[in-house]
Amino acid sequence: MSTIHTVAARAGVSSATVSRVMNDPHKVREATRLKVEAAMRELDFSRNSFAASLASRRSECVGLVVPHLSGAFFAPLVNAIEEAVSAVGSYLIVTCGKNSVDEVANGLQFLRQRRCDAIILYPGQLSDQALAEMLRHNPHMVVIHRTVPGFEARCVQLDNHTGGRLAAEYLLRCGHRDIGVIAGPRSNPESMQRLDAFRSTLKAAGLTLPLKRVCEGDFHFASGSTCMAALRARQPALSAVFCLNDQMAFGALNFCRAAGIAVPTELSLIGFDDVEYADLIHPRLTTVHHPVAALARTAAQLALRLAAGEVLTEPQRLLEPTLVVRDSVEMRAG
């Protein structure tokens, strides 16, 4: 059976050099690394990952906690994080179905028991207070989609205020004045940030957004359809609806098709996220682009830096959304 010592003898290097090739290859000259790797292949030597993790106190694994994997948002997010983690030779362990404080705490414990070097958490509807407590007890944890006061260096978030403003400004430029909103849960800070910015932009233009024009959904397809039906019943004169994510916009569009409401000639729709299907449906969805790949890469890089023992002190900059104009909003005569 081959050992680290037989590999060292075959490659003509020390056992310490072989160990560095396995654990810190970037610290070894390329010619030496290639020689050691060739010896490992010739001897059919594979490192004992568990023993190596005990010695280095590194598992080369990053954990990820998300509420679910369904929909068109989470799959690209998870894929992009996995690509960034695997690019440096590490692995991603994902636990999903975590929404409540207790469920997330159990997910974090599961990942710690598997010796994950760092953890990335999508907080869903958890409060800032609960997140702050988790960040304090998990110094190698990164939070995405939320900025928790006091932990700005370990939080990666989209500028939701700018996203809400962009949607409102575009609808106003297109001549819309009777506007409704399909929002996310009131307990979700990201939803409230988008809604507050949208309402403030309308107010600056001399328009109000009364509560009867806002329907609370849950970011899923079915709630988009249900909310669209409710808004249409109580506010039939609406000319446009802002959906705070694309999944609900798809649900709203589905209701309009079933009810014989023409989009965009009778009712305009604008979404948020710019998931891959937004450009494939008919009419193609005008939406606010959420740079999910950049969000994922940034979070993965921060997690890997924490795993390497780095202390993060610099607050993270908010990621910038952009407006993507397609076919689901019609220009109205002034």
Protein backbone atom coordinates (compact mmCIF):
# COMPACT_ATOMS: atom_id res chain seq x y z
CA MET A 1 0.00 0.00 0.00
CA SER A 2 1.43 3.36 -1.00
CA THR A 3 2.07 5.98 1.65
CA ILE A 4 3.14 9.58 1.67
CA HIS A 5 6.69 8.32 2.25
CA THR A 6 6.74 6.04 -0.81
CA VAL A 7 5.37 8.89 -2.93
CA ALA A 8 8.12 11.16 -1.60
CA ALA A 9 10.77 8.56 -2.43
CA ARG A 10 9.42 8.04 -5.96
CA ALA A 11 9.30 11.81 -6.62
CA GLY A 12 12.65 12.49 -4.98
CA VAL A 13 11.27 15.00 -2.52
CA SER A 14 10.56 15.15 1.21
CA SER A 15 7.36 13.90 2.84
CA ALA A 16 6.70 17.51 3.84
CA THR A 17 6.69 18.53 0.18
CA VAL A 18 4.18 15.81 -0.68
CA SER A 19 1.99 17.06 2.18
CA ARG A 20 2.18 20.61 0.83
CA VAL A 21 1.18 19.42 -2.64
CA MET A 22 -1.92 17.79 -1.14
CA ASN A 23 -2.90 20.60 1.23
CA ASP A 24 -1.38 23.84 -0.09
CA PRO A 25 -0.40 23.23 -3.75
CA HIS A 26 -0.12 26.97 -4.45
CA LYS A 27 2.92 27.03 -2.12
CA VAL A 28 4.82 24.50 -4.23
CA ARG A 29 6.74 25.24 -7.44
CA GLU A 30 4.86 23.95 -10.45
CA ALA A 31 7.64 21.61 -11.62
CA THR A 32 7.82 20.00 -8.18
CA ARG A 33 4.05 19.77 -7.90
CA LEU A 34 3.77 18.04 -11.28
CA LYS A 35 6.50 15.57 -10.29
CA VAL A 36 4.74 14.69 -7.05
CA GLU A 37 1.36 14.35 -8.77
CA ALA A 38 2.91 12.01 -11.37
CA ALA A 39 4.35 9.85 -8.58
CA MET A 40 0.94 9.73 -6.89
CA ARG A 41 -0.67 8.51 -10.12
CA GLU A 42 2.03 5.89 -10.72
CA LEU A 43 1.63 4.51 -7.20
CA ASP A 44 -2.17 4.79 -7.28
CA PHE A 45 -1.96 6.91 -4.15
CA SER A 46 -5.00 8.85 -2.95
CA ARG A 47 -5.01 11.04 0.11
CA ASN A 48 -7.11 10.01 3.06
CA SER A 49 -9.40 13.03 3.15
CA PHE A 50 -10.59 12.48 6.69
CA ALA A 51 -7.07 12.02 8.06
CA ALA A 52 -5.91 15.05 6.10
CA SER A 53 -8.74 17.14 7.51
CA LEU A 54 -7.80 16.11 11.04
CA ALA A 55 -4.20 17.10 10.43
CA SER A 56 -4.90 20.39 8.66
CA ARG A 57 -8.17 21.17 10.48
CA ARG A 58 -9.61 21.81 7.02
CA SER A 59 -12.24 19.68 5.31
CA GLU A 60 -12.09 21.55 1.99
CA CYS A 61 -15.88 21.78 2.18
CA VAL A 62 -18.15 24.82 2.24
CA GLY A 63 -21.72 24.55 3.52
CA LEU A 64 -24.77 26.28 2.08
CA VAL A 65 -28.16 26.74 3.77
CA VAL A 66 -31.12 27.71 1.55
CA PRO A 67 -34.91 27.63 2.07
CA HIS A 68 -35.52 25.42 -0.96
CA LEU A 69 -34.15 24.47 -4.37
CA SER A 70 -37.32 24.98 -6.41
CA GLY A 71 -38.01 27.85 -8.76
CA ALA A 72 -35.78 29.61 -11.24
CA PHE A 73 -33.77 31.61 -8.69
CA PHE A 74 -32.16 29.10 -6.32
CA ALA A 75 -30.84 26.59 -8.85
CA PRO A 76 -28.62 29.17 -10.64
CA LEU A 77 -27.54 30.54 -7.24
CA VAL A 78 -26.46 27.11 -5.97
CA ASN A 79 -24.78 26.24 -9.28
CA ALA A 80 -22.76 29.47 -9.30
CA ILE A 81 -21.63 28.98 -5.69
CA GLU A 82 -20.65 25.38 -6.45
CA GLU A 83 -18.61 26.46 -9.48
CA ALA A 84 -16.74 29.08 -7.46
CA VAL A 85 -16.02 26.64 -4.62
CA SER A 86 -14.99 23.74 -6.86
CA ALA A 87 -12.67 26.01 -8.86
CA VAL A 88 -10.29 26.02 -5.89
CA GLY A 89 -10.61 22.30 -5.21
CA SER A 90 -13.24 22.46 -2.49
CA TYR A 91 -16.70 20.90 -2.31
CA LEU A 92 -20.14 22.29 -1.56
CA ILE A 93 -22.55 20.66 0.91
CA VAL A 94 -26.13 21.97 0.59
CA THR A 95 -28.94 21.69 3.11
CA CYS A 96 -32.37 23.02 2.12
CA GLY A 97 -35.88 23.34 3.48
CA LYS A 98 -34.66 25.67 6.20
CA ASN A 99 -36.95 28.62 7.03
CA SER A 100 -37.53 29.01 10.76
CA VAL A 101 -34.88 29.91 13.33
CA ASP A 102 -34.86 26.35 14.68
CA GLU A 103 -34.64 24.79 11.21
CA VAL A 104 -31.75 27.04 10.21
CA ALA A 105 -29.98 26.38 13.52
CA ASN A 106 -30.30 22.63 12.88
CA GLY A 107 -28.93 23.12 9.37
CA LEU A 108 -25.94 25.03 10.71
CA GLN A 109 -25.29 22.32 13.28
CA PHE A 110 -25.45 19.66 10.55
CA LEU A 111 -22.82 21.51 8.51
CA ARG A 112 -20.57 22.13 11.51
CA GLN A 113 -20.70 18.43 12.37
CA ARG A 114 -19.42 17.75 8.88
CA ARG A 115 -16.49 20.07 9.60
CA CYS A 116 -17.34 22.60 6.88
CA ASP A 117 -14.61 25.22 6.69
CA ALA A 118 -17.17 28.00 6.12
CA ILE A 119 -20.93 28.33 5.69
CA ILE A 120 -23.07 30.50 3.39
CA LEU A 121 -26.58 31.25 4.60
CA TYR A 122 -29.60 32.51 2.66
CA PRO A 123 -31.71 33.96 5.49
CA GLY A 124 -35.20 34.02 3.99
CA GLN A 125 -37.46 35.67 6.51
CA LEU A 126 -35.21 35.40 9.57
CA SER A 127 -34.94 38.60 11.59
CA ASP A 128 -31.75 40.64 11.74
CA GLN A 129 -31.60 39.87 15.46
CA ALA A 130 -31.64 36.11 14.83
CA LEU A 131 -29.05 36.46 12.08
CA ALA A 132 -26.77 38.57 14.26
CA GLU A 133 -26.84 35.85 16.90
CA MET A 134 -25.97 33.20 14.30
CA LEU A 135 -23.14 35.31 12.89
CA ARG A 136 -21.70 35.79 16.36
CA HIS A 137 -21.66 32.04 17.02
CA ASN A 138 -20.42 31.15 13.50
CA PRO A 139 -17.38 33.34 12.73
CA HIS A 140 -16.85 31.58 9.39
CA MET A 141 -20.38 32.28 8.12
CA VAL A 142 -21.42 34.55 5.25
CA VAL A 143 -24.98 35.83 4.80
CA ILE A 144 -26.37 36.53 1.33
CA HIS A 145 -29.37 38.71 0.45
CA ARG A 146 -29.22 40.62 3.73
CA THR A 147 -26.97 43.17 5.40
CA VAL A 148 -26.97 42.61 9.17
CA PRO A 149 -25.89 45.67 11.20
CA GLY A 150 -22.50 45.08 12.78
CA PHE A 151 -21.59 42.28 10.35
CA GLU A 152 -21.38 44.20 7.06
CA ALA A 153 -18.06 42.57 6.14
CA ARG A 154 -19.72 39.13 6.01
CA CYS A 155 -22.91 40.10 4.19
CA VAL A 156 -23.51 40.21 0.42
CA GLN A 157 -26.68 41.91 -0.80
CA LEU A 158 -28.34 43.47 -3.82
CA ASP A 159 -29.26 47.15 -3.72
CA ASN A 160 -33.00 46.51 -3.46
CA HIS A 161 -33.80 50.20 -3.10
CA THR A 162 -32.25 50.95 -6.49
CA GLY A 163 -34.14 48.00 -8.00
CA GLY A 164 -37.49 49.27 -6.74
CA ARG A 165 -36.71 52.77 -7.95
CA LEU A 166 -35.74 51.55 -11.43
CA ALA A 167 -39.05 49.71 -11.82
CA ALA A 168 -41.09 52.75 -10.72
CA GLU A 169 -39.19 55.18 -12.92
CA TYR A 170 -39.67 52.99 -15.98
CA LEU A 171 -43.42 52.61 -15.47
CA LEU A 172 -43.71 56.37 -14.98
CA ARG A 173 -41.71 57.05 -18.15
CA CYS A 174 -44.07 54.75 -20.01
CA GLY A 175 -47.02 56.88 -18.90
CA HIS A 176 -48.51 54.59 -16.25
CA ARG A 177 -50.28 56.21 -13.32
CA ASP A 178 -52.70 53.51 -12.10
CA ILE A 179 -50.16 51.05 -10.73
CA GLY A 180 -50.44 48.05 -8.42
CA VAL A 181 -47.86 45.86 -6.68
CA ILE A 182 -47.63 42.15 -5.96
CA ALA A 183 -45.23 42.16 -3.02
CA GLY A 184 -43.41 39.49 -1.06
CA PRO A 185 -44.12 38.78 2.62
CA ARG A 186 -44.14 41.79 4.94
CA SER A 187 -41.71 39.89 7.17
CA ASN A 188 -39.16 39.74 4.35
CA PRO A 189 -36.77 42.74 4.49
CA GLU A 190 -35.78 42.46 0.82
CA SER A 191 -39.42 42.72 -0.25
CA MET A 192 -39.99 45.73 1.99
CA GLN A 193 -36.91 47.50 0.64
CA ARG A 194 -38.12 47.09 -2.94
CA LEU A 195 -41.65 48.16 -2.03
CA ASP A 196 -40.53 51.19 -0.01
CA ALA A 197 -38.30 52.45 -2.82
CA PHE A 198 -41.07 51.89 -5.39
CA ARG A 199 -43.61 53.77 -3.25
CA SER A 200 -41.15 56.63 -2.55
CA THR A 201 -40.42 57.05 -6.26
CA LEU A 202 -44.13 57.25 -7.07
CA LYS A 203 -44.61 59.77 -4.24
CA ALA A 204 -41.84 61.97 -5.63
CA ALA A 205 -43.79 62.00 -8.92
CA GLY A 206 -46.99 63.08 -7.13
CA LEU A 207 -48.61 59.62 -6.99
CA THR A 208 -49.68 57.52 -4.06
CA LEU A 209 -49.68 53.75 -3.64
CA PRO A 210 -52.62 52.96 -1.35
CA LEU A 211 -52.78 49.64 0.49
CA LYS A 212 -55.67 48.43 -1.69
CA ARG A 213 -53.27 48.45 -4.65
CA VAL A 214 -50.74 46.20 -2.90
CA CYS A 215 -51.25 42.45 -2.52
CA GLU A 216 -48.93 40.37 -0.32
CA GLY A 217 -47.63 37.22 -1.98
CA ASP A 218 -44.96 34.74 -0.96
CA PHE A 219 -42.54 34.91 -3.93
CA HIS A 220 -44.02 31.74 -5.46
CA PHE A 221 -45.89 31.28 -8.75
CA ALA A 222 -49.31 30.51 -7.20
CA SER A 223 -49.36 33.67 -5.10
CA GLY A 224 -48.69 35.75 -8.21
CA SER A 225 -51.82 34.34 -9.80
CA THR A 226 -53.90 34.73 -6.63
CA CYS A 227 -52.74 38.31 -6.05
CA MET A 228 -53.33 39.27 -9.66
CA ALA A 229 -56.92 38.04 -9.35
CA ALA A 230 -57.40 40.02 -6.14
CA LEU A 231 -55.94 43.23 -7.58
CA ARG A 232 -58.01 42.93 -10.73
CA ALA A 233 -61.20 42.43 -8.72
CA ARG A 234 -60.75 45.45 -6.47
CA GLN A 235 -58.80 47.72 -8.84
CA PRO A 236 -59.95 46.97 -12.42
CA ALA A 237 -58.56 50.27 -13.72
CA LEU A 238 -54.91 49.34 -13.05
CA SER A 239 -52.76 49.75 -16.14
CA ALA A 240 -49.58 48.19 -14.71
CA VAL A 241 -48.44 45.87 -11.92
CA PHE A 242 -44.97 45.58 -10.41
CA CYS A 243 -44.23 42.03 -9.21
CA LEU A 244 -41.43 41.87 -6.67
CA ASN A 245 -39.99 38.74 -8.19
CA ASP A 246 -40.28 37.00 -11.55
CA GLN A 247 -41.95 33.87 -10.17
CA MET A 248 -44.94 35.93 -9.06
CA ALA A 249 -44.87 37.81 -12.37
CA PHE A 250 -45.19 34.46 -14.18
CA GLY A 251 -48.17 33.62 -11.97
CA ALA A 252 -49.74 37.02 -12.68
CA LEU A 253 -49.25 36.49 -16.41
CA ASN A 254 -50.81 33.05 -16.15
CA PHE A 255 -53.92 34.54 -14.53
CA CYS A 256 -54.14 37.20 -17.23
CA ARG A 257 -54.05 34.58 -19.96
CA ALA A 258 -56.80 32.55 -18.31
CA ALA A 259 -58.93 35.67 -17.74
CA GLY A 260 -58.48 36.96 -21.29
CA ILE A 261 -56.51 40.04 -20.18
CA ALA A 262 -54.07 41.05 -22.90
CA VAL A 263 -50.50 41.77 -21.73
CA PRO A 264 -49.22 44.40 -22.32
CA THR A 265 -51.98 46.17 -24.31
CA GLU A 266 -54.54 45.92 -21.51
CA LEU A 267 -52.25 45.47 -18.53
CA SER A 268 -48.47 45.88 -18.26
CA LEU A 269 -46.32 43.67 -16.03
CA ILE A 270 -42.80 44.20 -14.72
CA GLY A 271 -40.86 41.69 -12.60
CA PHE A 272 -37.72 41.46 -10.50
CA ASP A 273 -34.73 39.06 -10.73
CA ASP A 274 -34.43 38.40 -14.49
CA VAL A 275 -34.40 34.62 -14.17
CA GLU A 276 -33.56 32.64 -17.29
CA TYR A 277 -37.21 32.02 -18.26
CA ALA A 278 -38.00 35.75 -18.30
CA ASP A 279 -36.69 35.98 -21.86
CA LEU A 280 -38.51 32.83 -23.03
CA ILE A 281 -42.14 33.45 -22.08
CA HIS A 282 -44.59 35.43 -24.21
CA PRO A 283 -44.62 38.31 -23.91
CA ARG A 284 -41.00 38.43 -22.83
CA LEU A 285 -40.86 39.86 -19.32
CA THR A 286 -39.52 43.33 -18.62
CA THR A 287 -37.78 43.01 -15.27
CA VAL A 288 -35.06 44.23 -12.93
CA HIS A 289 -31.90 42.19 -13.36
CA HIS A 290 -30.51 40.65 -10.18
CA PRO A 291 -26.80 39.73 -10.71
CA VAL A 292 -27.16 36.31 -9.08
CA ALA A 293 -23.88 34.96 -10.46
CA ALA A 294 -21.96 37.91 -9.03
CA LEU A 295 -23.78 37.49 -5.71
CA ALA A 296 -22.84 33.81 -5.62
CA ARG A 297 -19.19 34.36 -6.58
CA THR A 298 -18.75 37.12 -4.02
CA ALA A 299 -20.27 35.01 -1.25
CA ALA A 300 -18.13 32.00 -2.18
CA GLN A 301 -14.95 34.08 -2.25
CA LEU A 302 -15.71 35.55 1.18
CA ALA A 303 -16.44 32.08 2.57
CA LEU A 304 -13.15 30.73 1.19
CA ARG A 305 -11.25 33.67 2.68
CA LEU A 306 -12.82 32.97 6.06
CA ALA A 307 -11.97 29.27 5.68
CA ALA A 308 -8.34 30.23 5.12
CA GLY A 309 -8.29 32.10 8.41
CA GLU A 310 -8.64 35.62 7.08
CA VAL A 311 -10.46 38.17 9.22
CA LEU A 312 -12.86 40.26 7.13
CA THR A 313 -13.24 43.89 8.18
CA GLU A 314 -14.16 45.82 5.02
CA PRO A 315 -17.94 46.27 4.52
CA GLN A 316 -19.20 44.71 1.29
CA ARG A 317 -20.57 46.97 -1.40
CA LEU A 318 -24.18 46.46 -2.48
CA LEU A 319 -24.53 44.77 -5.87
CA GLU A 320 -26.15 46.97 -8.51
CA PRO A 321 -29.36 45.89 -10.30
CA THR A 322 -30.17 46.99 -13.84
CA LEU A 323 -33.39 47.35 -15.79
CA VAL A 324 -34.01 44.88 -18.63
CA VAL A 325 -36.63 46.17 -21.08
CA ARG A 326 -38.50 43.53 -23.08
CA ASP A 327 -42.13 43.26 -24.19
CA SER A 328 -44.46 43.13 -21.17
CA VAL A 329 -44.77 46.91 -20.57
CA GLU A 330 -46.58 49.13 -23.05
CA MET A 331 -46.07 52.85 -23.51
CA ARG A 332 -49.25 54.76 -22.64
CA ALA A 333 -50.25 58.05 -24.24
CA GLY A 334 -49.50 61.04 -22.03
